[in-house]
């Protein structure tokens, strides 16, 4: 049931503690990756980021990200059937209720393809949690890299990301359906997820991913499993990454679980080490996941 929330974390975006988001080192021979999970929307108190990734960053061989959002601006919005034409009356009523709650004109959502309506709803919800797209961790590192003339290496293009989401069954209808069905649950789960990220609580983050993958469908496989495998194939390509120390910043939930980046890199012969301290998040994810209608 967590697919809608994890899409938000992975594609398009707590309380401050003494702990910090986890930073890992993956090393194999003369090649080192310093890795950190990103949230694509942030708050001022997310900063400064851990010194274990910031201090060596000026000397990094290159910054590796999902997509270069600052330069990759030439793309087309995939077109498709409108949300209004694909939802039944009950679903349209629910969409109207949510639109009023988040302050988005319902007619705008009706006329979007379902995938775009889902992302618009999720972005508006994140803004209600006072999250700002301009304060996303990936954008922060992209800005630093540009200022310091550090090479930027992107796993994907923005166009590829949009096409991927839009191609998920009836113009992304499953993503919108989950957004509507789990709207109330997401209000509790999102703050807990951000608290876990900021605290470096790997146990909670792993529990979230494990819950998501228990009943994984096409959506999860396309967004997480397939992309993780593709990214690790790129990182382990000795023709592309031979030696040096690279900084890798991608969506936080991509790192955890049996099919996460850390496990996949380890299977390729990399030695993984955590470079940061962590502490338990200020929430009980097991209670949230076990609530009726949530898991």
C-alpha atoms as a PDB file:
ATOM      1  CA  UNK A   1       0.000   0.000   0.000  1.00  0.00           C
ATOM      2  CA  UNK A   2       2.968   2.313   0.281  1.00  0.00           C
ATOM      3  CA  UNK A   3       3.479   2.683  -3.452  1.00  0.00           C
ATOM      4  CA  UNK A   4       1.876   6.122  -3.703  1.00  0.00           C
ATOM      5  CA  UNK A   5       3.965   7.526  -0.864  1.00  0.00           C
ATOM      6  CA  UNK A   6       7.192   6.023  -2.092  1.00  0.00           C
ATOM      7  CA  UNK A   7       6.597   7.434  -5.568  1.00  0.00           C
ATOM      8  CA  UNK A   8       6.525  10.878  -3.978  1.00  0.00           C
ATOM      9  CA  UNK A   9       9.814  10.293  -2.195  1.00  0.00           C
ATOM     10  CA  UNK A  10      11.501   8.699  -5.192  1.00  0.00           C
ATOM     11  CA  UNK A  11      10.500  10.883  -8.077  1.00  0.00           C
ATOM     12  CA  UNK A  12       9.304  14.355  -7.266  1.00  0.00           C
ATOM     13  CA  UNK A  13      10.289  15.844  -3.686  1.00  0.00           C
ATOM     14  CA  UNK A  14      10.494  15.472  11.155  1.00  0.00           C
ATOM     15  CA  UNK A  15      11.929  16.950  13.558  1.00  0.00           C
ATOM     16  CA  UNK A  16      15.553  17.927  13.706  1.00  0.00           C
ATOM     17  CA  UNK A  17      17.724  15.539  15.709  1.00  0.00           C
ATOM     18  CA  UNK A  18      21.375  15.123  16.595  1.00  0.00           C
ATOM     19  CA  UNK A  19      21.496  12.209  14.184  1.00  0.00           C
ATOM     20  CA  UNK A  20      21.658  12.776  10.444  1.00  0.00           C
ATOM     21  CA  UNK A  21      20.649  11.175   7.147  1.00  0.00           C
ATOM     22  CA  UNK A  22      22.688   8.087   6.388  1.00  0.00           C
ATOM     23  CA  UNK A  23      25.747   8.329   4.158  1.00  0.00           C
ATOM     24  CA  UNK A  24      27.409   5.150   2.915  1.00  0.00           C
ATOM     25  CA  UNK A  25      30.673   4.321   1.234  1.00  0.00           C
ATOM     26  CA  UNK A  26      30.774   1.586  -1.414  1.00  0.00           C
ATOM     27  CA  UNK A  27      34.311   0.596  -2.351  1.00  0.00           C
ATOM     28  CA  UNK A  28      35.763  -1.842  -4.877  1.00  0.00           C
ATOM     29  CA  UNK A  29      39.437  -1.612  -5.779  1.00  0.00           C
ATOM     30  CA  UNK A  30      40.272   1.939  -6.839  1.00  0.00           C
ATOM     31  CA  UNK A  31      36.617   2.900  -7.240  1.00  0.00           C
ATOM     32  CA  UNK A  32      34.634   4.503  -4.403  1.00  0.00           C
ATOM     33  CA  UNK A  33      31.063   5.733  -4.281  1.00  0.00           C
ATOM     34  CA  UNK A  34      29.881   8.003  -1.457  1.00  0.00           C
ATOM     35  CA  UNK A  35      26.116   7.525  -1.399  1.00  0.00           C
ATOM     36  CA  UNK A  36      23.237   9.432   0.162  1.00  0.00           C
ATOM     37  CA  UNK A  37      19.487   9.076  -0.150  1.00  0.00           C
ATOM     38  CA  UNK A  38      17.681  12.163  -1.363  1.00  0.00           C
ATOM     39  CA  UNK A  39      14.259  13.569  -0.635  1.00  0.00           C
ATOM     40  CA  UNK A  40      13.162  15.654  -3.573  1.00  0.00           C
ATOM     41  CA  UNK A  41      11.385  18.288  -1.490  1.00  0.00           C
ATOM     42  CA  UNK A  42      12.901  19.686   1.676  1.00  0.00           C
ATOM     43  CA  UNK A  43      12.882  22.142   4.562  1.00  0.00           C
ATOM     44  CA  UNK A  44      15.496  24.646   5.721  1.00  0.00           C
ATOM     45  CA  UNK A  45      16.227  22.530   8.808  1.00  0.00           C
ATOM     46  CA  UNK A  46      17.333  19.637   6.578  1.00  0.00           C
ATOM     47  CA  UNK A  47      20.545  21.618   6.216  1.00  0.00           C
ATOM     48  CA  UNK A  48      23.451  21.495   6.693  1.00  0.00           C
ATOM     49  CA  UNK A  49      23.769  17.960   5.352  1.00  0.00           C
ATOM     50  CA  UNK A  50      26.205  15.432   6.880  1.00  0.00           C
ATOM     51  CA  UNK A  51      29.836  16.516   6.838  1.00  0.00           C
ATOM     52  CA  UNK A  52      30.829  13.028   5.705  1.00  0.00           C
ATOM     53  CA  UNK A  53      29.405  13.826   2.271  1.00  0.00           C
ATOM     54  CA  UNK A  54      29.831  17.619   2.187  1.00  0.00           C
ATOM     55  CA  UNK A  55      33.482  17.865   3.262  1.00  0.00           C
ATOM     56  CA  UNK A  56      34.931  15.657   0.490  1.00  0.00           C
ATOM     57  CA  UNK A  57      32.457  16.890  -2.140  1.00  0.00           C
ATOM     58  CA  UNK A  58      34.695  19.637  -3.634  1.00  0.00           C
ATOM     59  CA  UNK A  59      37.193  16.906  -4.552  1.00  0.00           C
ATOM     60  CA  UNK A  60      34.706  14.353  -5.889  1.00  0.00           C
ATOM     61  CA  UNK A  61      35.335  12.883  -9.333  1.00  0.00           C
ATOM     62  CA  UNK A  62      31.707  13.465 -10.288  1.00  0.00           C
ATOM     63  CA  UNK A  63      28.137  13.778  -9.016  1.00  0.00           C
ATOM     64  CA  UNK A  64      25.790  10.927  -9.991  1.00  0.00           C
ATOM     65  CA  UNK A  65      22.044  11.681  -9.873  1.00  0.00           C
ATOM     66  CA  UNK A  66      18.787  10.287 -11.207  1.00  0.00           C
ATOM     67  CA  UNK A  67      18.401  13.159 -13.680  1.00  0.00           C
ATOM     68  CA  UNK A  68      20.044  16.551 -14.153  1.00  0.00           C
ATOM     69  CA  UNK A  69      17.024  18.676 -13.278  1.00  0.00           C
ATOM     70  CA  UNK A  70      18.825  21.974 -13.813  1.00  0.00           C
ATOM     71  CA  UNK A  71      19.987  21.326 -17.375  1.00  0.00           C
ATOM     72  CA  UNK A  72      17.551  18.695 -18.643  1.00  0.00           C
ATOM     73  CA  UNK A  73      14.669  21.071 -19.312  1.00  0.00           C
ATOM     74  CA  UNK A  74      13.708  20.113 -22.872  1.00  0.00           C
ATOM     75  CA  UNK A  75      10.961  17.530 -22.536  1.00  0.00           C
ATOM     76  CA  UNK A  76       7.356  16.928 -23.550  1.00  0.00           C
ATOM     77  CA  UNK A  77       4.533  16.127 -21.147  1.00  0.00           C
ATOM     78  CA  UNK A  78       3.082  12.759 -22.251  1.00  0.00           C
ATOM     79  CA  UNK A  79      -0.531  13.121 -23.321  1.00  0.00           C
ATOM     80  CA  UNK A  80      -3.318  10.638 -22.723  1.00  0.00           C
ATOM     81  CA  UNK A  81      -6.887  10.150 -21.618  1.00  0.00           C
ATOM     82  CA  UNK A  82      -8.184  12.612 -19.046  1.00  0.00           C
ATOM     83  CA  UNK A  83      -8.698  11.659 -15.436  1.00  0.00           C
ATOM     84  CA  UNK A  84     -12.385  12.549 -15.695  1.00  0.00           C
ATOM     85  CA  UNK A  85     -12.887  10.048 -18.508  1.00  0.00           C
ATOM     86  CA  UNK A  86     -11.278   7.166 -16.589  1.00  0.00           C
ATOM     87  CA  UNK A  87     -12.618   7.502 -13.034  1.00  0.00           C
ATOM     88  CA  UNK A  88     -16.028   6.281 -11.914  1.00  0.00           C
ATOM     89  CA  UNK A  89     -18.466   8.525 -10.050  1.00  0.00           C
ATOM     90  CA  UNK A  90     -17.292   7.460  -6.604  1.00  0.00           C
ATOM     91  CA  UNK A  91     -13.652   8.051  -7.518  1.00  0.00           C
ATOM     92  CA  UNK A  92     -14.475  11.457  -8.976  1.00  0.00           C
ATOM     93  CA  UNK A  93     -16.250  12.437  -5.753  1.00  0.00           C
ATOM     94  CA  UNK A  94     -13.195  11.400  -3.760  1.00  0.00           C
ATOM     95  CA  UNK A  95     -10.936  13.345  -6.107  1.00  0.00           C
ATOM     96  CA  UNK A  96     -13.131  16.420  -5.674  1.00  0.00           C
ATOM     97  CA  UNK A  97     -12.945  16.130  -1.869  1.00  0.00           C
ATOM     98  CA  UNK A  98      -9.154  15.874  -1.939  1.00  0.00           C
ATOM     99  CA  UNK A  99      -8.862  18.752  -4.412  1.00  0.00           C
ATOM    100  CA  UNK A 100     -10.788  20.999  -2.024  1.00  0.00           C
ATOM    101  CA  UNK A 101      -8.664  19.862   0.912  1.00  0.00           C
ATOM    102  CA  UNK A 102      -5.373  20.709  -0.806  1.00  0.00           C
ATOM    103  CA  UNK A 103      -6.603  23.833  -2.580  1.00  0.00           C
ATOM    104  CA  UNK A 104      -6.199  22.601  -6.150  1.00  0.00           C
ATOM    105  CA  UNK A 105      -8.968  23.348  -8.702  1.00  0.00           C
ATOM    106  CA  UNK A 106     -10.768  20.080  -9.366  1.00  0.00           C
ATOM    107  CA  UNK A 107     -11.274  20.940 -13.038  1.00  0.00           C
ATOM    108  CA  UNK A 108      -7.509  21.096 -13.496  1.00  0.00           C
ATOM    109  CA  UNK A 109      -7.129  17.579 -12.082  1.00  0.00           C
ATOM    110  CA  UNK A 110     -10.049  16.297 -14.176  1.00  0.00           C
ATOM    111  CA  UNK A 111      -8.357  17.427 -17.374  1.00  0.00           C
ATOM    112  CA  UNK A 112      -4.930  15.955 -16.604  1.00  0.00           C
ATOM    113  CA  UNK A 113      -3.874  12.396 -17.407  1.00  0.00           C
ATOM    114  CA  UNK A 114      -4.141  10.280 -14.222  1.00  0.00           C
ATOM    115  CA  UNK A 115      -0.366  10.110 -13.623  1.00  0.00           C
ATOM    116  CA  UNK A 116      -0.104  13.897 -13.745  1.00  0.00           C
ATOM    117  CA  UNK A 117      -3.108  14.368 -11.460  1.00  0.00           C
ATOM    118  CA  UNK A 118      -1.541  11.973  -8.935  1.00  0.00           C
ATOM    119  CA  UNK A 119       1.745  13.867  -8.899  1.00  0.00           C
ATOM    120  CA  UNK A 120      -0.065  17.211  -8.622  1.00  0.00           C
ATOM    121  CA  UNK A 121      -1.998  15.941  -5.597  1.00  0.00           C
ATOM    122  CA  UNK A 122       1.129  14.547  -3.973  1.00  0.00           C
ATOM    123  CA  UNK A 123       3.055  17.759  -4.520  1.00  0.00           C
ATOM    124  CA  UNK A 124       0.240  19.827  -3.024  1.00  0.00           C
ATOM    125  CA  UNK A 125       0.136  17.495  -0.030  1.00  0.00           C
ATOM    126  CA  UNK A 126       3.873  17.799   0.505  1.00  0.00           C
ATOM    127  CA  UNK A 127       3.523  21.583   0.451  1.00  0.00           C
ATOM    128  CA  UNK A 128       0.971  21.273   3.255  1.00  0.00           C
ATOM    129  CA  UNK A 129       3.791  19.654   5.237  1.00  0.00           C
ATOM    130  CA  UNK A 130       5.827  22.810   4.456  1.00  0.00           C
ATOM    131  CA  UNK A 131       8.118  20.968   2.049  1.00  0.00           C
ATOM    132  CA  UNK A 132       9.693  23.016  -0.729  1.00  0.00           C
ATOM    133  CA  UNK A 133      10.819  21.614  -4.093  1.00  0.00           C
ATOM    134  CA  UNK A 134      13.622  24.182  -4.267  1.00  0.00           C
ATOM    135  CA  UNK A 135      15.082  22.711  -1.061  1.00  0.00           C
ATOM    136  CA  UNK A 136      15.299  19.145  -2.354  1.00  0.00           C
ATOM    137  CA  UNK A 137      18.566  17.360  -1.603  1.00  0.00           C
ATOM    138  CA  UNK A 138      19.303  16.454  -5.212  1.00  0.00           C
ATOM    139  CA  UNK A 139      18.837  20.054  -6.342  1.00  0.00           C
ATOM    140  CA  UNK A 140      21.152  21.157  -3.535  1.00  0.00           C
ATOM    141  CA  UNK A 141      23.942  18.913  -4.779  1.00  0.00           C
ATOM    142  CA  UNK A 142      23.318  19.822  -8.415  1.00  0.00           C
ATOM    143  CA  UNK A 143      23.723  23.487  -7.491  1.00  0.00           C
ATOM    144  CA  UNK A 144      26.944  22.784  -5.577  1.00  0.00           C
ATOM    145  CA  UNK A 145      28.319  20.770  -8.484  1.00  0.00           C
ATOM    146  CA  UNK A 146      27.613  23.554 -10.967  1.00  0.00           C
ATOM    147  CA  UNK A 147      29.290  26.152  -8.752  1.00  0.00           C
ATOM    148  CA  UNK A 148      32.395  23.988  -8.372  1.00  0.00           C
ATOM    149  CA  UNK A 149      32.482  22.731 -11.993  1.00  0.00           C
ATOM    150  CA  UNK A 150      32.063  19.131 -10.864  1.00  0.00           C
ATOM    151  CA  UNK A 151      30.985  16.757 -13.668  1.00  0.00           C
ATOM    152  CA  UNK A 152      27.352  15.641 -13.424  1.00  0.00           C
ATOM    153  CA  UNK A 153      26.383  12.129 -14.518  1.00  0.00           C
ATOM    154  CA  UNK A 154      22.671  11.305 -14.857  1.00  0.00           C
ATOM    155  CA  UNK A 155      21.225   7.802 -14.822  1.00  0.00           C
ATOM    156  CA  UNK A 156      18.162   8.967 -16.764  1.00  0.00           C
ATOM    157  CA  UNK A 157      16.629  11.921 -18.551  1.00  0.00           C
ATOM    158  CA  UNK A 158      13.565  13.755 -17.277  1.00  0.00           C
ATOM    159  CA  UNK A 159      11.757  12.653 -20.443  1.00  0.00           C
ATOM    160  CA  UNK A 160      12.485   9.013 -19.635  1.00  0.00           C
ATOM    161  CA  UNK A 161      11.101   9.491 -16.138  1.00  0.00           C
ATOM    162  CA  UNK A 162       7.884  11.096 -17.374  1.00  0.00           C
ATOM    163  CA  UNK A 163       7.381   8.467 -20.066  1.00  0.00           C
ATOM    164  CA  UNK A 164       7.945   5.723 -17.508  1.00  0.00           C
ATOM    165  CA  UNK A 165       5.215   6.999 -15.191  1.00  0.00           C
ATOM    166  CA  UNK A 166       2.772   7.773 -17.995  1.00  0.00           C
ATOM    167  CA  UNK A 167       3.125   4.276 -19.457  1.00  0.00           C
ATOM    168  CA  UNK A 168       1.874   2.534 -16.321  1.00  0.00           C
ATOM    169  CA  UNK A 169      -1.496   1.135 -17.357  1.00  0.00           C
ATOM    170  CA  UNK A 170      -4.184   3.529 -18.608  1.00  0.00           C
ATOM    171  CA  UNK A 171      -1.973   6.608 -18.453  1.00  0.00           C
ATOM    172  CA  UNK A 172      -0.851   6.016 -14.877  1.00  0.00           C
ATOM    173  CA  UNK A 173      -4.311   5.256 -13.483  1.00  0.00           C
ATOM    174  CA  UNK A 174      -2.961   2.803 -10.835  1.00  0.00           C
ATOM    175  CA  UNK A 175      -0.877   5.604  -9.317  1.00  0.00           C
ATOM    176  CA  UNK A 176      -3.893   7.910  -9.059  1.00  0.00           C
ATOM    177  CA  UNK A 177      -6.102   5.121  -7.698  1.00  0.00           C
ATOM    178  CA  UNK A 178      -3.646   4.503  -4.876  1.00  0.00           C
ATOM    179  CA  UNK A 179      -3.396   8.228  -4.205  1.00  0.00           C
ATOM    180  CA  UNK A 180      -7.156   8.341  -3.659  1.00  0.00           C
ATOM    181  CA  UNK A 181      -7.434   5.067  -1.730  1.00  0.00           C
ATOM    182  CA  UNK A 182      -4.605   5.741   0.730  1.00  0.00           C
ATOM    183  CA  UNK A 183      -4.966   9.487   1.123  1.00  0.00           C
ATOM    184  CA  UNK A 184      -5.747   9.417   4.851  1.00  0.00           C
ATOM    185  CA  UNK A 185      -2.987   6.893   5.600  1.00  0.00           C
ATOM    186  CA  UNK A 186      -0.399   8.999   3.815  1.00  0.00           C
ATOM    187  CA  UNK A 187      -0.970  11.873   6.242  1.00  0.00           C
ATOM    188  CA  UNK A 188       0.571   9.811   9.045  1.00  0.00           C
ATOM    189  CA  UNK A 189       3.081   7.861   6.989  1.00  0.00           C
ATOM    190  CA  UNK A 190       4.740  10.781   5.235  1.00  0.00           C
ATOM    191  CA  UNK A 191       5.920  12.557   8.419  1.00  0.00           C
ATOM    192  CA  UNK A 192       7.229   9.251   9.785  1.00  0.00           C
ATOM    193  CA  UNK A 193       9.117   8.564   6.575  1.00  0.00           C
ATOM    194  CA  UNK A 194      10.762  11.980   6.607  1.00  0.00           C
ATOM    195  CA  UNK A 195      11.630  11.590  10.290  1.00  0.00           C
ATOM    196  CA  UNK A 196      13.275   8.238   9.540  1.00  0.00           C
ATOM    197  CA  UNK A 197      15.262   9.722   6.657  1.00  0.00           C
ATOM    198  CA  UNK A 198      16.457  12.672   8.726  1.00  0.00           C
ATOM    199  CA  UNK A 199      17.379  10.452  11.687  1.00  0.00           C
ATOM    200  CA  UNK A 200      19.242   7.935   9.548  1.00  0.00           C
ATOM    201  CA  UNK A 201      16.867   5.238  10.829  1.00  0.00           C
ATOM    202  CA  UNK A 202      17.704   2.413   8.430  1.00  0.00           C
ATOM    203  CA  UNK A 203      15.480  -0.056  10.281  1.00  0.00           C
ATOM    204  CA  UNK A 204      12.373   2.039   9.693  1.00  0.00           C
ATOM    205  CA  UNK A 205      13.322   2.799   6.098  1.00  0.00           C
ATOM    206  CA  UNK A 206      13.869  -0.907   5.439  1.00  0.00           C
ATOM    207  CA  UNK A 207      10.503  -1.751   7.005  1.00  0.00           C
ATOM    208  CA  UNK A 208       8.816   0.720   4.664  1.00  0.00           C
ATOM    209  CA  UNK A 209      10.465  -0.802   1.605  1.00  0.00           C
ATOM    210  CA  UNK A 210       9.777  -4.377   2.739  1.00  0.00           C
ATOM    211  CA  UNK A 211       6.099  -3.548   3.249  1.00  0.00           C
ATOM    212  CA  UNK A 212       5.920  -1.965  -0.183  1.00  0.00           C
ATOM    213  CA  UNK A 213       7.540  -4.934  -1.908  1.00  0.00           C
ATOM    214  CA  UNK A 214       5.439  -7.626  -0.183  1.00  0.00           C
ATOM    215  CA  UNK A 215       2.683  -7.162  -2.726  1.00  0.00           C
ATOM    216  CA  UNK A 216       4.767  -5.545  -5.422  1.00  0.00           C
ATOM    217  CA  UNK A 217       3.051  -5.064  -8.745  1.00  0.00           C
ATOM    218  CA  UNK A 218       4.071  -3.513 -12.026  1.00  0.00           C
ATOM    219  CA  UNK A 219       4.277  -0.066 -10.444  1.00  0.00           C
ATOM    220  CA  UNK A 220       6.849  -1.051  -7.832  1.00  0.00           C
ATOM    221  CA  UNK A 221       8.891  -3.107 -10.253  1.00  0.00           C
ATOM    222  CA  UNK A 222       9.093  -0.296 -12.793  1.00  0.00           C
ATOM    223  CA  UNK A 223       9.816   2.479 -10.283  1.00  0.00           C
ATOM    224  CA  UNK A 224      12.155   0.584  -7.981  1.00  0.00           C
ATOM    225  CA  UNK A 225      13.334  -2.891  -8.965  1.00  0.00           C
ATOM    226  CA  UNK A 226      14.006  -2.270 -12.644  1.00  0.00           C
ATOM    227  CA  UNK A 227      15.615   1.114 -12.079  1.00  0.00           C
ATOM    228  CA  UNK A 228      17.785  -0.123  -9.217  1.00  0.00           C
ATOM    229  CA  UNK A 229      19.122  -2.926 -11.395  1.00  0.00           C
ATOM    230  CA  UNK A 230      19.753  -0.518 -14.257  1.00  0.00           C
ATOM    231  CA  UNK A 231      21.561   1.979 -12.037  1.00  0.00           C
ATOM    232  CA  UNK A 232      23.810  -0.668 -10.499  1.00  0.00           C
ATOM    233  CA  UNK A 233      24.626  -1.967 -13.963  1.00  0.00           C
ATOM    234  CA  UNK A 234      25.761   1.549 -14.828  1.00  0.00           C
ATOM    235  CA  UNK A 235      27.746   1.976 -11.606  1.00  0.00           C
ATOM    236  CA  UNK A 236      29.508  -1.362 -12.072  1.00  0.00           C
ATOM    237  CA  UNK A 237      30.349  -0.638 -15.722  1.00  0.00           C
ATOM    238  CA  UNK A 238      34.142  -0.381 -15.646  1.00  0.00           C
ATOM    239  CA  UNK A 239      34.087   1.446 -18.944  1.00  0.00           C
ATOM    240  CA  UNK A 240      32.160   4.267 -17.320  1.00  0.00           C
ATOM    241  CA  UNK A 241      33.419   4.155 -13.723  1.00  0.00           C
ATOM    242  CA  UNK A 242      36.998   2.886 -13.510  1.00  0.00           C
ATOM    243  CA  UNK A 243      38.543   4.653 -10.532  1.00  0.00           C
ATOM    244  CA  UNK A 244      38.079   7.737  -8.403  1.00  0.00           C
ATOM    245  CA  UNK A 245      35.542   8.802  -5.795  1.00  0.00           C
ATOM    246  CA  UNK A 246      32.032   9.665  -6.985  1.00  0.00           C
ATOM    247  CA  UNK A 247      29.137  11.141  -5.022  1.00  0.00           C
ATOM    248  CA  UNK A 248      25.808   9.366  -5.661  1.00  0.00           C
ATOM    249  CA  UNK A 249      22.554  11.078  -4.635  1.00  0.00           C
ATOM    250  CA  UNK A 250      19.258   9.375  -5.553  1.00  0.00           C
ATOM    251  CA  UNK A 251      15.870   8.818  -3.916  1.00  0.00           C
ATOM    252  CA  UNK A 252      16.271   7.531  -0.365  1.00  0.00           C
ATOM    253  CA  UNK A 253      14.109   4.411  -0.587  1.00  0.00           C
ATOM    254  CA  UNK A 254      16.138   3.057  -3.492  1.00  0.00           C
ATOM    255  CA  UNK A 255      18.901   2.046  -1.067  1.00  0.00           C
ATOM    256  CA  UNK A 256      17.006  -0.342   1.199  1.00  0.00           C
ATOM    257  CA  UNK A 257      15.759  -3.922   1.035  1.00  0.00           C
ATOM    258  CA  UNK A 258      16.876  -7.059  -0.756  1.00  0.00           C
ATOM    259  CA  UNK A 259      16.568  -5.375  -4.143  1.00  0.00           C
ATOM    260  CA  UNK A 260      17.939  -2.018  -3.007  1.00  0.00           C
ATOM    261  CA  UNK A 261      21.099  -0.365  -4.259  1.00  0.00           C
ATOM    262  CA  UNK A 262      23.204  -1.357  -1.257  1.00  0.00           C
ATOM    263  CA  UNK A 263      22.404  -5.061  -1.601  1.00  0.00           C
ATOM    264  CA  UNK A 264      22.891  -4.965  -5.369  1.00  0.00           C
ATOM    265  CA  UNK A 265      26.229  -3.162  -5.098  1.00  0.00           C
ATOM    266  CA  UNK A 266      27.362  -5.681  -2.505  1.00  0.00           C
ATOM    267  CA  UNK A 267      26.470  -8.494  -4.910  1.00  0.00           C
ATOM    268  CA  UNK A 268      28.770  -6.825  -7.450  1.00  0.00           C
ATOM    269  CA  UNK A 269      31.716  -7.050  -5.059  1.00  0.00           C
ATOM    270  CA  UNK A 270      31.534  -3.629  -3.392  1.00  0.00           C
ATOM    271  CA  UNK A 271      32.219  -3.305   0.328  1.00  0.00           C
ATOM    272  CA  UNK A 272      29.537  -1.184   2.016  1.00  0.00           C
ATOM    273  CA  UNK A 273      30.209   0.953   5.093  1.00  0.00           C
ATOM    274  CA  UNK A 274      28.033   3.508   6.885  1.00  0.00           C
ATOM    275  CA  UNK A 275      29.775   6.845   7.488  1.00  0.00           C
ATOM    276  CA  UNK A 276      27.177   8.443   9.770  1.00  0.00           C
ATOM    277  CA  UNK A 277      25.519   7.979  13.149  1.00  0.00           C
ATOM    278  CA  UNK A 278      21.833   7.180  13.335  1.00  0.00           C
ATOM    279  CA  UNK A 279      19.014   7.041  15.832  1.00  0.00           C
ATOM    280  CA  UNK A 280      15.438   5.785  15.998  1.00  0.00           C
ATOM    281  CA  UNK A 281      12.874   7.980  14.286  1.00  0.00           C
ATOM    282  CA  UNK A 282      10.276   9.715  16.444  1.00  0.00           C
ATOM    283  CA  UNK A 283       7.480   7.477  15.192  1.00  0.00           C
ATOM    284  CA  UNK A 284       6.419   3.828  15.246  1.00  0.00           C
ATOM    285  CA  UNK A 285       6.261   2.654  11.647  1.00  0.00           C
ATOM    286  CA  UNK A 286       5.154  -0.856  12.659  1.00  0.00           C
ATOM    287  CA  UNK A 287       2.014   0.556  14.266  1.00  0.00           C
ATOM    288  CA  UNK A 288       1.250   2.587  11.153  1.00  0.00           C
ATOM    289  CA  UNK A 289       1.803  -0.357   8.824  1.00  0.00           C
ATOM    290  CA  UNK A 290      -0.350  -2.682  10.915  1.00  0.00           C
ATOM    291  CA  UNK A 291      -3.363  -0.388  11.074  1.00  0.00           C
ATOM    292  CA  UNK A 292      -6.502  -1.750   9.494  1.00  0.00           C
ATOM    293  CA  UNK A 293      -6.581  -0.763   5.836  1.00  0.00           C
ATOM    294  CA  UNK A 294      -2.891   0.109   5.729  1.00  0.00           C
ATOM    295  CA  UNK A 295      -1.049  -3.178   5.339  1.00  0.00           C
END
